[in-house]
């Protein structure tokens, strides 16, 4: 039996770039769902590792800060405008939350 050969370096880089882009797209969809007026739309936190890791920070029970990096050069204009638009969309999110319910706190409140 012949073992499968490992991917060439450029193919691994391509797969990594695709994975990063997928995670950033999912993060954008989560931000869009949180910023929308339609509160029935649930953010797709479980669709990527990045959004799973960030879900506690985006869920409302944490202090969260966003730093948007921009470049002063015209060659980076497209990325700068996209970054600023993303920051503006994130700033529209208003999260409200109540006390965090755990199994322990529910047991005490039932007494």
PDB file of N, CA and C in Angstrom:
ATOM      1  N   UNK A   1       0.835  -1.169   0.000  1.00  0.00           N
ATOM      2  CA  UNK A   1       0.000   0.000   0.000  1.00  0.00           C
ATOM      3  C   UNK A   1       0.888   1.243   0.000  1.00  0.00           C
ATOM      4  N   UNK A   2       0.560   2.184  -0.841  1.00  0.00           N
ATOM      5  CA  UNK A   2       1.340   3.400  -0.974  1.00  0.00           C
ATOM      6  C   UNK A   2       0.718   4.486  -0.099  1.00  0.00           C
ATOM      7  N   UNK A   3       1.552   5.089   0.720  1.00  0.00           N
ATOM      8  CA  UNK A   3       1.069   6.171   1.588  1.00  0.00           C
ATOM      9  C   UNK A   3       0.831   7.422   0.749  1.00  0.00           C
ATOM     10  N   UNK A   4      -0.212   8.195   1.082  1.00  0.00           N
ATOM     11  CA  UNK A   4      -0.445   9.424   0.330  1.00  0.00           C
ATOM     12  C   UNK A   4       0.691  10.413   0.561  1.00  0.00           C
ATOM     13  N   UNK A   5       1.096  11.064  -0.517  1.00  0.00           N
ATOM     14  CA  UNK A   5       2.188  12.025  -0.393  1.00  0.00           C
ATOM     15  C   UNK A   5       1.664  13.313   0.249  1.00  0.00           C
ATOM     16  N   UNK A   6       2.491  13.967   1.038  1.00  0.00           N
ATOM     17  CA  UNK A   6       2.053  15.233   1.643  1.00  0.00           C
ATOM     18  C   UNK A   6       1.863  16.296   0.566  1.00  0.00           C
ATOM     19  N   UNK A   7       1.036  17.263   0.865  1.00  0.00           N
ATOM     20  CA  UNK A   7       0.789  18.347  -0.085  1.00  0.00           C
ATOM     21  C   UNK A   7       2.041  19.185  -0.257  1.00  0.00           C
ATOM     22  N   UNK A   8       2.271  19.694  -1.467  1.00  0.00           N
ATOM     23  CA  UNK A   8       3.389  20.627  -1.636  1.00  0.00           C
ATOM     24  C   UNK A   8       3.172  21.882  -0.783  1.00  0.00           C
ATOM     25  N   UNK A   9       4.249  22.607  -0.533  1.00  0.00           N
ATOM     26  CA  UNK A   9       4.190  23.774   0.347  1.00  0.00           C
ATOM     27  C   UNK A   9       3.175  24.802  -0.127  1.00  0.00           C
ATOM     28  N   UNK A  10       3.122  25.081  -1.427  1.00  0.00           N
ATOM     29  CA  UNK A  10       2.184  26.088  -1.920  1.00  0.00           C
ATOM     30  C   UNK A  10       0.735  25.627  -1.781  1.00  0.00           C
ATOM     31  N   UNK A  11       0.500  24.326  -1.857  1.00  0.00           N
ATOM     32  CA  UNK A  11      -0.857  23.811  -1.668  1.00  0.00           C
ATOM     33  C   UNK A  11      -1.274  23.929  -0.202  1.00  0.00           C
ATOM     34  N   UNK A  12      -0.338  23.706   0.708  1.00  0.00           N
ATOM     35  CA  UNK A  12      -0.635  23.870   2.133  1.00  0.00           C
ATOM     36  C   UNK A  12      -0.945  25.333   2.447  1.00  0.00           C
ATOM     37  N   UNK A  13      -0.187  26.234   1.846  1.00  0.00           N
ATOM     38  CA  UNK A  13      -0.432  27.666   2.053  1.00  0.00           C
ATOM     39  C   UNK A  13      -1.799  28.060   1.515  1.00  0.00           C
ATOM     40  N   UNK A  14      -2.173  27.493   0.382  1.00  0.00           N
ATOM     41  CA  UNK A  14      -3.481  27.777  -0.208  1.00  0.00           C
ATOM     42  C   UNK A  14      -4.604  27.275   0.697  1.00  0.00           C
ATOM     43  N   UNK A  15      -4.448  26.081   1.238  1.00  0.00           N
ATOM     44  CA  UNK A  15      -5.459  25.532   2.153  1.00  0.00           C
ATOM     45  C   UNK A  15      -5.569  26.377   3.419  1.00  0.00           C
ATOM     46  N   UNK A  16      -4.435  26.836   3.928  1.00  0.00           N
ATOM     47  CA  UNK A  16      -4.443  27.683   5.119  1.00  0.00           C
ATOM     48  C   UNK A  16      -5.133  29.015   4.824  1.00  0.00           C
ATOM     49  N   UNK A  17      -4.854  29.601   3.670  1.00  0.00           N
ATOM     50  CA  UNK A  17      -5.490  30.867   3.286  1.00  0.00           C
ATOM     51  C   UNK A  17      -6.993  30.691   3.124  1.00  0.00           C
ATOM     52  N   UNK A  18      -7.417  29.569   2.553  1.00  0.00           N
ATOM     53  CA  UNK A  18      -8.854  29.308   2.406  1.00  0.00           C
ATOM     54  C   UNK A  18      -9.514  29.168   3.767  1.00  0.00           C
ATOM     55  N   UNK A  19      -8.842  28.504   4.691  1.00  0.00           N
ATOM     56  CA  UNK A  19      -9.393  28.329   6.039  1.00  0.00           C
ATOM     57  C   UNK A  19      -9.502  29.674   6.764  1.00  0.00           C
ATOM     58  N   UNK A  20      -8.490  30.515   6.627  1.00  0.00           N
ATOM     59  CA  UNK A  20      -8.516  31.837   7.257  1.00  0.00           C
ATOM     60  C   UNK A  20      -9.643  32.682   6.669  1.00  0.00           C
ATOM     61  N   UNK A  21      -9.772  32.669   5.354  1.00  0.00           N
ATOM     62  CA  UNK A  21     -10.839  33.439   4.705  1.00  0.00           C
ATOM     63  C   UNK A  21     -12.217  32.948   5.135  1.00  0.00           C
ATOM     64  N   UNK A  22     -12.385  31.634   5.270  1.00  0.00           N
ATOM     65  CA  UNK A  22     -13.665  31.075   5.717  1.00  0.00           C
ATOM     66  C   UNK A  22     -13.984  31.540   7.135  1.00  0.00           C
ATOM     67  N   UNK A  23     -12.977  31.527   8.011  1.00  0.00           N
ATOM     68  CA  UNK A  23     -13.191  31.973   9.390  1.00  0.00           C
ATOM     69  C   UNK A  23     -13.546  33.454   9.449  1.00  0.00           C
ATOM     70  N   UNK A  24     -12.867  34.270   8.650  1.00  0.00           N
ATOM     71  CA  UNK A  24     -13.164  35.706   8.645  1.00  0.00           C
ATOM     72  C   UNK A  24     -14.537  35.992   8.052  1.00  0.00           C
ATOM     73  N   UNK A  25     -14.930  35.216   7.048  1.00  0.00           N
ATOM     74  CA  UNK A  25     -16.269  35.362   6.479  1.00  0.00           C
ATOM     75  C   UNK A  25     -17.325  35.005   7.514  1.00  0.00           C
ATOM     76  N   UNK A  26     -17.107  33.938   8.253  1.00  0.00           N
ATOM     77  CA  UNK A  26     -18.044  33.535   9.304  1.00  0.00           C
ATOM     78  C   UNK A  26     -18.088  34.580  10.412  1.00  0.00           C
ATOM     79  N   UNK A  27     -16.943  35.161  10.763  1.00  0.00           N
ATOM     80  CA  UNK A  27     -16.925  36.234  11.761  1.00  0.00           C
ATOM     81  C   UNK A  27     -17.748  37.420  11.268  1.00  0.00           C
ATOM     82  N   UNK A  28     -17.607  37.762  10.007  1.00  0.00           N
ATOM     83  CA  UNK A  28     -18.402  38.843   9.435  1.00  0.00           C
ATOM     84  C   UNK A  28     -19.884  38.550   9.477  1.00  0.00           C
ATOM     85  N   UNK A  29     -20.265  37.295   9.223  1.00  0.00           N
ATOM     86  CA  UNK A  29     -21.681  36.920   9.300  1.00  0.00           C
ATOM     87  C   UNK A  29     -22.192  36.991  10.733  1.00  0.00           C
ATOM     88  N   UNK A  30     -21.347  36.627  11.705  1.00  0.00           N
ATOM     89  CA  UNK A  30     -21.743  36.739  13.121  1.00  0.00           C
ATOM     90  C   UNK A  30     -21.959  38.199  13.501  1.00  0.00           C
ATOM     91  N   UNK A  31     -21.032  39.061  13.093  1.00  0.00           N
ATOM     92  CA  UNK A  31     -21.154  40.486  13.383  1.00  0.00           C
ATOM     93  C   UNK A  31     -22.405  41.043  12.715  1.00  0.00           C
ATOM     94  N   UNK A  32     -22.646  40.649  11.480  1.00  0.00           N
ATOM     95  CA  UNK A  32     -23.837  41.117  10.759  1.00  0.00           C
ATOM     96  C   UNK A  32     -25.115  40.683  11.466  1.00  0.00           C
ATOM     97  N   UNK A  33     -25.150  39.441  11.950  1.00  0.00           N
ATOM     98  CA  UNK A  33     -26.334  38.958  12.659  1.00  0.00           C
ATOM     99  C   UNK A  33     -26.526  39.688  13.982  1.00  0.00           C
ATOM    100  N   UNK A  34     -25.430  39.974  14.691  1.00  0.00           N
ATOM    101  CA  UNK A  34     -25.536  40.693  15.961  1.00  0.00           C
ATOM    102  C   UNK A  34     -25.942  42.146  15.768  1.00  0.00           C
ATOM    103  N   UNK A  35     -25.502  42.761  14.658  1.00  0.00           N
ATOM    104  CA  UNK A  35     -25.791  44.174  14.421  1.00  0.00           C
ATOM    105  C   UNK A  35     -27.160  44.400  13.789  1.00  0.00           C
ATOM    106  N   UNK A  36     -27.776  43.358  13.263  1.00  0.00           N
ATOM    107  CA  UNK A  36     -29.051  43.538  12.558  1.00  0.00           C
ATOM    108  C   UNK A  36     -30.190  43.766  13.544  1.00  0.00           C
ATOM    109  N   UNK A  37     -31.252  44.364  13.039  1.00  0.00           N
ATOM    110  CA  UNK A  37     -32.447  44.584  13.851  1.00  0.00           C
ATOM    111  C   UNK A  37     -33.247  43.302  14.006  1.00  0.00           C
ATOM    112  N   UNK A  38     -33.006  42.338  13.142  1.00  0.00           N
ATOM    113  CA  UNK A  38     -33.712  41.061  13.192  1.00  0.00           C
ATOM    114  C   UNK A  38     -33.070  40.188  14.266  1.00  0.00           C
ATOM    115  N   UNK A  39     -33.627  40.198  15.449  1.00  0.00           N
ATOM    116  CA  UNK A  39     -33.042  39.456  16.568  1.00  0.00           C
ATOM    117  C   UNK A  39     -33.339  37.959  16.496  1.00  0.00           C
ATOM    118  N   UNK A  40     -34.143  37.539  15.521  1.00  0.00           N
ATOM    119  CA  UNK A  40     -34.414  36.111  15.367  1.00  0.00           C
ATOM    120  C   UNK A  40     -33.271  35.390  14.665  1.00  0.00           C
ATOM    121  N   UNK A  41     -32.461  36.143  13.926  1.00  0.00           N
ATOM    122  CA  UNK A  41     -31.332  35.550  13.228  1.00  0.00           C
ATOM    123  C   UNK A  41     -30.224  35.260  14.236  1.00  0.00           C
ATOM    124  N   UNK A  42     -29.836  34.000  14.325  1.00  0.00           N
ATOM    125  CA  UNK A  42     -28.816  33.600  15.287  1.00  0.00           C
ATOM    126  C   UNK A  42     -27.443  33.662  14.634  1.00  0.00           C
ATOM    127  N   UNK A  43     -26.460  34.218  15.324  1.00  0.00           N
ATOM    128  CA  UNK A  43     -25.108  34.261  14.765  1.00  0.00           C
ATOM    129  C   UNK A  43     -24.542  32.847  14.595  1.00  0.00           C
ATOM    130  N   UNK A  44     -23.873  32.588  13.488  1.00  0.00           N
ATOM    131  CA  UNK A  44     -23.327  31.241  13.244  1.00  0.00           C
ATOM    132  C   UNK A  44     -21.987  31.018  13.953  1.00  0.00           C
ATOM    133  N   UNK A  45     -21.990  31.078  15.286  1.00  0.00           N
ATOM    134  CA  UNK A  45     -20.761  30.939  16.051  1.00  0.00           C
ATOM    135  C   UNK A  45     -20.081  29.591  15.843  1.00  0.00           C
ATOM    136  N   UNK A  46     -20.827  28.540  15.588  1.00  0.00           N
ATOM    137  CA  UNK A  46     -20.271  27.193  15.538  1.00  0.00           C
ATOM    138  C   UNK A  46     -19.701  26.804  14.179  1.00  0.00           C
ATOM    139  N   UNK A  47     -19.687  27.725  13.231  1.00  0.00           N
ATOM    140  CA  UNK A  47     -19.250  27.375  11.879  1.00  0.00           C
ATOM    141  C   UNK A  47     -17.752  27.508  11.654  1.00  0.00           C
ATOM    142  N   UNK A  48     -17.015  28.064  12.586  1.00  0.00           N
ATOM    143  CA  UNK A  48     -15.554  28.126  12.438  1.00  0.00           C
ATOM    144  C   UNK A  48     -14.911  28.131  13.818  1.00  0.00           C
ATOM    145  N   UNK A  49     -13.649  27.749  13.842  1.00  0.00           N
ATOM    146  CA  UNK A  49     -12.917  27.742  15.110  1.00  0.00           C
ATOM    147  C   UNK A  49     -12.757  29.151  15.662  1.00  0.00           C
ATOM    148  N   UNK A  50     -12.541  30.114  14.773  1.00  0.00           N
ATOM    149  CA  UNK A  50     -12.362  31.500  15.208  1.00  0.00           C
ATOM    150  C   UNK A  50     -13.603  32.023  15.919  1.00  0.00           C
ATOM    151  N   UNK A  51     -14.763  31.816  15.344  1.00  0.00           N
ATOM    152  CA  UNK A  51     -15.983  32.336  15.967  1.00  0.00           C
ATOM    153  C   UNK A  51     -16.352  31.551  17.215  1.00  0.00           C
ATOM    154  N   UNK A  52     -15.970  30.291  17.275  1.00  0.00           N
ATOM    155  CA  UNK A  52     -16.178  29.537  18.527  1.00  0.00           C
ATOM    156  C   UNK A  52     -15.333  30.121  19.644  1.00  0.00           C
ATOM    157  N   UNK A  53     -14.087  30.465  19.314  1.00  0.00           N
ATOM    158  CA  UNK A  53     -13.206  31.051  20.327  1.00  0.00           C
ATOM    159  C   UNK A  53     -13.673  32.440  20.757  1.00  0.00           C
ATOM    160  N   UNK A  54     -14.223  33.212  19.824  1.00  0.00           N
ATOM    161  CA  UNK A  54     -14.637  34.580  20.121  1.00  0.00           C
ATOM    162  C   UNK A  54     -16.073  34.684  20.632  1.00  0.00           C
ATOM    163  N   UNK A  55     -16.831  33.608  20.607  1.00  0.00           N
ATOM    164  CA  UNK A  55     -18.242  33.695  20.999  1.00  0.00           C
ATOM    165  C   UNK A  55     -18.457  34.221  22.420  1.00  0.00           C
ATOM    166  N   UNK A  56     -17.641  33.868  23.421  1.00  0.00           N
ATOM    167  CA  UNK A  56     -17.862  34.479  24.735  1.00  0.00           C
ATOM    168  C   UNK A  56     -17.671  35.995  24.722  1.00  0.00           C
ATOM    169  N   UNK A  57     -16.732  36.480  23.933  1.00  0.00           N
ATOM    170  CA  UNK A  57     -16.493  37.923  23.860  1.00  0.00           C
ATOM    171  C   UNK A  57     -17.599  38.629  23.088  1.00  0.00           C
ATOM    172  N   UNK A  58     -18.191  37.940  22.131  1.00  0.00           N
ATOM    173  CA  UNK A  58     -19.246  38.544  21.322  1.00  0.00           C
ATOM    174  C   UNK A  58     -20.635  38.297  21.886  1.00  0.00           C
ATOM    175  N   UNK A  59     -20.738  37.447  22.892  1.00  0.00           N
ATOM    176  CA  UNK A  59     -22.038  37.052  23.413  1.00  0.00           C
ATOM    177  C   UNK A  59     -22.667  38.024  24.382  1.00  0.00           C
ATOM    178  N   UNK A  60     -21.945  39.004  24.867  1.00  0.00           N
ATOM    179  CA  UNK A  60     -22.547  40.013  25.711  1.00  0.00           C
ATOM    180  C   UNK A  60     -22.111  40.004  27.154  1.00  0.00           C
ATOM    181  N   UNK A  61     -21.428  38.978  27.604  1.00  0.00           N
ATOM    182  CA  UNK A  61     -21.041  38.913  29.008  1.00  0.00           C
ATOM    183  C   UNK A  61     -19.581  39.302  29.215  1.00  0.00           C
ATOM    184  N   UNK A  62     -19.003  40.034  28.271  1.00  0.00           N
ATOM    185  CA  UNK A  62     -17.601  40.418  28.375  1.00  0.00           C
ATOM    186  C   UNK A  62     -17.415  41.836  27.860  1.00  0.00           C
ATOM    187  N   UNK A  63     -16.379  42.482  28.337  1.00  0.00           N
ATOM    188  CA  UNK A  63     -15.972  43.773  27.771  1.00  0.00           C
ATOM    189  C   UNK A  63     -15.126  43.483  26.548  1.00  0.00           C
ATOM    190  N   UNK A  64     -15.495  44.048  25.430  1.00  0.00           N
ATOM    191  CA  UNK A  64     -14.806  43.757  24.178  1.00  0.00           C
ATOM    192  C   UNK A  64     -14.358  45.054  23.533  1.00  0.00           C
ATOM    193  N   UNK A  65     -13.167  45.037  22.973  1.00  0.00           N
ATOM    194  CA  UNK A  65     -12.615  46.197  22.288  1.00  0.00           C
ATOM    195  C   UNK A  65     -12.158  45.757  20.901  1.00  0.00           C
ATOM    196  N   UNK A  66     -12.399  46.585  19.906  1.00  0.00           N
ATOM    197  CA  UNK A  66     -11.958  46.303  18.541  1.00  0.00           C
ATOM    198  C   UNK A  66     -10.969  47.376  18.129  1.00  0.00           C
ATOM    199  N   UNK A  67      -9.823  46.957  17.639  1.00  0.00           N
ATOM    200  CA  UNK A  67      -8.820  47.871  17.115  1.00  0.00           C
ATOM    201  C   UNK A  67      -8.784  47.675  15.608  1.00  0.00           C
ATOM    202  N   UNK A  68      -9.020  48.735  14.864  1.00  0.00           N
ATOM    203  CA  UNK A  68      -9.003  48.673  13.412  1.00  0.00           C
ATOM    204  C   UNK A  68      -7.701  49.289  12.926  1.00  0.00           C
ATOM    205  N   UNK A  69      -6.935  48.507  12.195  1.00  0.00           N
ATOM    206  CA  UNK A  69      -5.662  48.995  11.666  1.00  0.00           C
ATOM    207  C   UNK A  69      -5.866  49.471  10.232  1.00  0.00           C
ATOM    208  N   UNK A  70      -5.372  50.659   9.953  1.00  0.00           N
ATOM    209  CA  UNK A  70      -5.493  51.235   8.614  1.00  0.00           C
ATOM    210  C   UNK A  70      -4.109  51.665   8.143  1.00  0.00           C
ATOM    211  N   UNK A  71      -3.995  51.799   6.823  1.00  0.00           N
ATOM    212  CA  UNK A  71      -2.731  52.215   6.227  1.00  0.00           C
ATOM    213  C   UNK A  71      -2.922  53.552   5.520  1.00  0.00           C
ATOM    214  N   UNK A  72      -1.932  54.421   5.568  1.00  0.00           N
ATOM    215  CA  UNK A  72      -2.073  55.747   4.948  1.00  0.00           C
ATOM    216  C   UNK A  72      -1.790  55.772   3.448  1.00  0.00           C
ATOM    217  N   UNK A  73      -1.393  54.660   2.873  1.00  0.00           N
ATOM    218  CA  UNK A  73      -1.003  54.654   1.459  1.00  0.00           C
ATOM    219  C   UNK A  73      -2.196  54.371   0.557  1.00  0.00           C
ATOM    220  N   UNK A  74      -2.154  54.915  -0.631  1.00  0.00           N
ATOM    221  CA  UNK A  74      -3.232  54.705  -1.603  1.00  0.00           C
ATOM    222  C   UNK A  74      -3.282  53.256  -2.094  1.00  0.00           C
ATOM    223  N   UNK A  75      -2.152  52.575  -2.065  1.00  0.00           N
ATOM    224  CA  UNK A  75      -2.152  51.182  -2.515  1.00  0.00           C
ATOM    225  C   UNK A  75      -2.943  50.279  -1.576  1.00  0.00           C
ATOM    226  N   UNK A  76      -3.141  50.709  -0.330  1.00  0.00           N
ATOM    227  CA  UNK A  76      -3.905  49.934   0.649  1.00  0.00           C
ATOM    228  C   UNK A  76      -5.305  50.489   0.873  1.00  0.00           C
ATOM    229  N   UNK A  77      -5.771  51.317  -0.044  1.00  0.00           N
ATOM    230  CA  UNK A  77      -7.062  51.993   0.102  1.00  0.00           C
ATOM    231  C   UNK A  77      -8.208  50.989   0.249  1.00  0.00           C
ATOM    232  N   UNK A  78      -8.228  49.953  -0.563  1.00  0.00           N
ATOM    233  CA  UNK A  78      -9.319  48.973  -0.536  1.00  0.00           C
ATOM    234  C   UNK A  78      -9.414  48.291   0.823  1.00  0.00           C
ATOM    235  N   UNK A  79      -8.268  47.833   1.348  1.00  0.00           N
ATOM    236  CA  UNK A  79      -8.273  47.155   2.645  1.00  0.00           C
ATOM    237  C   UNK A  79      -8.629  48.117   3.775  1.00  0.00           C
ATOM    238  N   UNK A  80      -8.169  49.357   3.680  1.00  0.00           N
ATOM    239  CA  UNK A  80      -8.470  50.355   4.709  1.00  0.00           C
ATOM    240  C   UNK A  80      -9.958  50.658   4.757  1.00  0.00           C
ATOM    241  N   UNK A  81     -10.571  50.849   3.597  1.00  0.00           N
ATOM    242  CA  UNK A  81     -12.009  51.141   3.545  1.00  0.00           C
ATOM    243  C   UNK A  81     -12.804  49.953   4.083  1.00  0.00           C
ATOM    244  N   UNK A  82     -12.431  48.731   3.694  1.00  0.00           N
ATOM    245  CA  UNK A  82     -13.130  47.551   4.202  1.00  0.00           C
ATOM    246  C   UNK A  82     -12.985  47.419   5.712  1.00  0.00           C
ATOM    247  N   UNK A  83     -11.792  47.696   6.233  1.00  0.00           N
ATOM    248  CA  UNK A  83     -11.576  47.621   7.679  1.00  0.00           C
ATOM    249  C   UNK A  83     -12.420  48.645   8.422  1.00  0.00           C
ATOM    250  N   UNK A  84     -12.481  49.869   7.893  1.00  0.00           N
ATOM    251  CA  UNK A  84     -13.282  50.910   8.535  1.00  0.00           C
ATOM    252  C   UNK A  84     -14.778  50.598   8.473  1.00  0.00           C
ATOM    253  N   UNK A  85     -15.237  50.037   7.363  1.00  0.00           N
ATOM    254  CA  UNK A  85     -16.650  49.649   7.262  1.00  0.00           C
ATOM    255  C   UNK A  85     -16.976  48.533   8.250  1.00  0.00           C
ATOM    256  N   UNK A  86     -16.063  47.574   8.411  1.00  0.00           N
ATOM    257  CA  UNK A  86     -16.266  46.505   9.387  1.00  0.00           C
ATOM    258  C   UNK A  86     -16.316  47.090  10.799  1.00  0.00           C
ATOM    259  N   UNK A  87     -15.415  48.004  11.116  1.00  0.00           N
ATOM    260  CA  UNK A  87     -15.416  48.641  12.434  1.00  0.00           C
ATOM    261  C   UNK A  87     -16.695  49.409  12.693  1.00  0.00           C
ATOM    262  N   UNK A  88     -17.209  50.077  11.661  1.00  0.00           N
ATOM    263  CA  UNK A  88     -18.467  50.809  11.813  1.00  0.00           C
ATOM    264  C   UNK A  88     -19.629  49.845  12.070  1.00  0.00           C
ATOM    265  N   UNK A  89     -19.624  48.723  11.370  1.00  0.00           N
ATOM    266  CA  UNK A  89     -20.686  47.731  11.579  1.00  0.00           C
ATOM    267  C   UNK A  89     -20.615  47.149  12.988  1.00  0.00           C
ATOM    268  N   UNK A  90     -19.408  46.882  13.461  1.00  0.00           N
ATOM    269  CA  UNK A  90     -19.246  46.341  14.815  1.00  0.00           C
ATOM    270  C   UNK A  90     -19.703  47.359  15.860  1.00  0.00           C
ATOM    271  N   UNK A  91     -19.464  48.636  15.607  1.00  0.00           N
ATOM    272  CA  UNK A  91     -19.846  49.653  16.593  1.00  0.00           C
ATOM    273  C   UNK A  91     -21.361  49.788  16.719  1.00  0.00           C
ATOM    274  N   UNK A  92     -22.118  49.242  15.778  1.00  0.00           N
ATOM    275  CA  UNK A  92     -23.583  49.303  15.841  1.00  0.00           C
ATOM    276  C   UNK A  92     -24.177  48.214  16.724  1.00  0.00           C
ATOM    277  N   UNK A  93     -23.361  47.304  17.206  1.00  0.00           N
ATOM    278  CA  UNK A  93     -23.867  46.190  18.010  1.00  0.00           C
ATOM    279  C   UNK A  93     -24.152  46.668  19.424  1.00  0.00           C
ATOM    280  N   UNK A  94     -25.357  46.406  19.876  1.00  0.00           N
ATOM    281  CA  UNK A  94     -25.738  46.702  21.249  1.00  0.00           C
ATOM    282  C   UNK A  94     -26.192  45.385  21.857  1.00  0.00           C
ATOM    283  N   UNK A  95     -25.438  44.907  22.814  1.00  0.00           N
ATOM    284  CA  UNK A  95     -25.761  43.637  23.449  1.00  0.00           C
ATOM    285  C   UNK A  95     -26.337  43.892  24.831  1.00  0.00           C
ATOM    286  N   UNK A  96     -27.396  43.199  25.118  1.00  0.00           N
ATOM    287  CA  UNK A  96     -27.975  43.251  26.457  1.00  0.00           C
ATOM    288  C   UNK A  96     -27.956  41.841  27.010  1.00  0.00           C
ATOM    289  N   UNK A  97     -27.722  41.741  28.283  1.00  0.00           N
ATOM    290  CA  UNK A  97     -27.674  40.427  28.896  1.00  0.00           C
ATOM    291  C   UNK A  97     -28.101  40.542  30.341  1.00  0.00           C
ATOM    292  N   UNK A  98     -28.539  39.438  30.847  1.00  0.00           N
ATOM    293  CA  UNK A  98     -28.920  39.374  32.247  1.00  0.00           C
ATOM    294  C   UNK A  98     -27.879  38.578  32.995  1.00  0.00           C
ATOM    295  N   UNK A  99     -28.203  38.204  34.214  1.00  0.00           N
ATOM    296  CA  UNK A  99     -27.262  37.390  34.978  1.00  0.00           C
ATOM    297  C   UNK A  99     -27.059  36.041  34.288  1.00  0.00           C
ATOM    298  N   UNK A 100     -25.846  35.553  34.330  1.00  0.00           N
ATOM    299  CA  UNK A 100     -25.530  34.271  33.709  1.00  0.00           C
ATOM    300  C   UNK A 100     -26.129  33.166  34.561  1.00  0.00           C
ATOM    301  N   UNK A 101     -26.893  32.309  33.920  1.00  0.00           N
ATOM    302  CA  UNK A 101     -27.533  31.199  34.622  1.00  0.00           C
ATOM    303  C   UNK A 101     -26.666  29.957  34.487  1.00  0.00           C
ATOM    304  N   UNK A 102     -26.299  29.380  35.605  1.00  0.00           N
ATOM    305  CA  UNK A 102     -25.570  28.114  35.611  1.00  0.00           C
ATOM    306  C   UNK A 102     -26.444  27.089  36.304  1.00  0.00           C
ATOM    307  N   UNK A 103     -26.058  25.846  36.201  1.00  0.00           N
ATOM    308  CA  UNK A 103     -26.821  24.785  36.870  1.00  0.00           C
ATOM    309  C   UNK A 103     -26.830  25.015  38.376  1.00  0.00           C
ATOM    310  N   UNK A 104     -25.713  25.510  38.917  1.00  0.00           N
ATOM    311  CA  UNK A 104     -25.615  25.763  40.357  1.00  0.00           C
ATOM    312  C   UNK A 104     -26.559  26.892  40.778  1.00  0.00           C
ATOM    313  N   UNK A 105     -26.615  27.994  40.015  1.00  0.00           N
ATOM    314  CA  UNK A 105     -27.472  29.108  40.398  1.00  0.00           C
ATOM    315  C   UNK A 105     -28.940  28.751  40.220  1.00  0.00           C
ATOM    316  N   UNK A 106     -29.265  27.915  39.230  1.00  0.00           N
ATOM    317  CA  UNK A 106     -30.655  27.473  39.065  1.00  0.00           C
ATOM    318  C   UNK A 106     -31.088  26.594  40.229  1.00  0.00           C
ATOM    319  N   UNK A 107     -30.172  25.766  40.727  1.00  0.00           N
ATOM    320  CA  UNK A 107     -30.495  24.894  41.861  1.00  0.00           C
ATOM    321  C   UNK A 107     -30.778  25.713  43.106  1.00  0.00           C
ATOM    322  N   UNK A 108     -30.008  26.776  43.338  1.00  0.00           N
ATOM    323  CA  UNK A 108     -30.235  27.629  44.501  1.00  0.00           C
ATOM    324  C   UNK A 108     -31.523  28.438  44.366  1.00  0.00           C
ATOM    325  N   UNK A 109     -31.841  28.893  43.146  1.00  0.00           N
ATOM    326  CA  UNK A 109     -33.060  29.693  42.998  1.00  0.00           C
ATOM    327  C   UNK A 109     -34.310  28.818  43.097  1.00  0.00           C
ATOM    328  N   UNK A 110     -34.167  27.512  42.909  1.00  0.00           N
ATOM    329  CA  UNK A 110     -35.329  26.616  43.008  1.00  0.00           C
ATOM    330  C   UNK A 110     -35.682  26.324  44.455  1.00  0.00           C
ATOM    331  N   UNK A 111     -34.774  26.578  45.399  1.00  0.00           N
ATOM    332  CA  UNK A 111     -35.030  26.280  46.818  1.00  0.00           C
ATOM    333  C   UNK A 111     -35.967  27.263  47.462  1.00  0.00           C
TER     334      UNK A 111
END
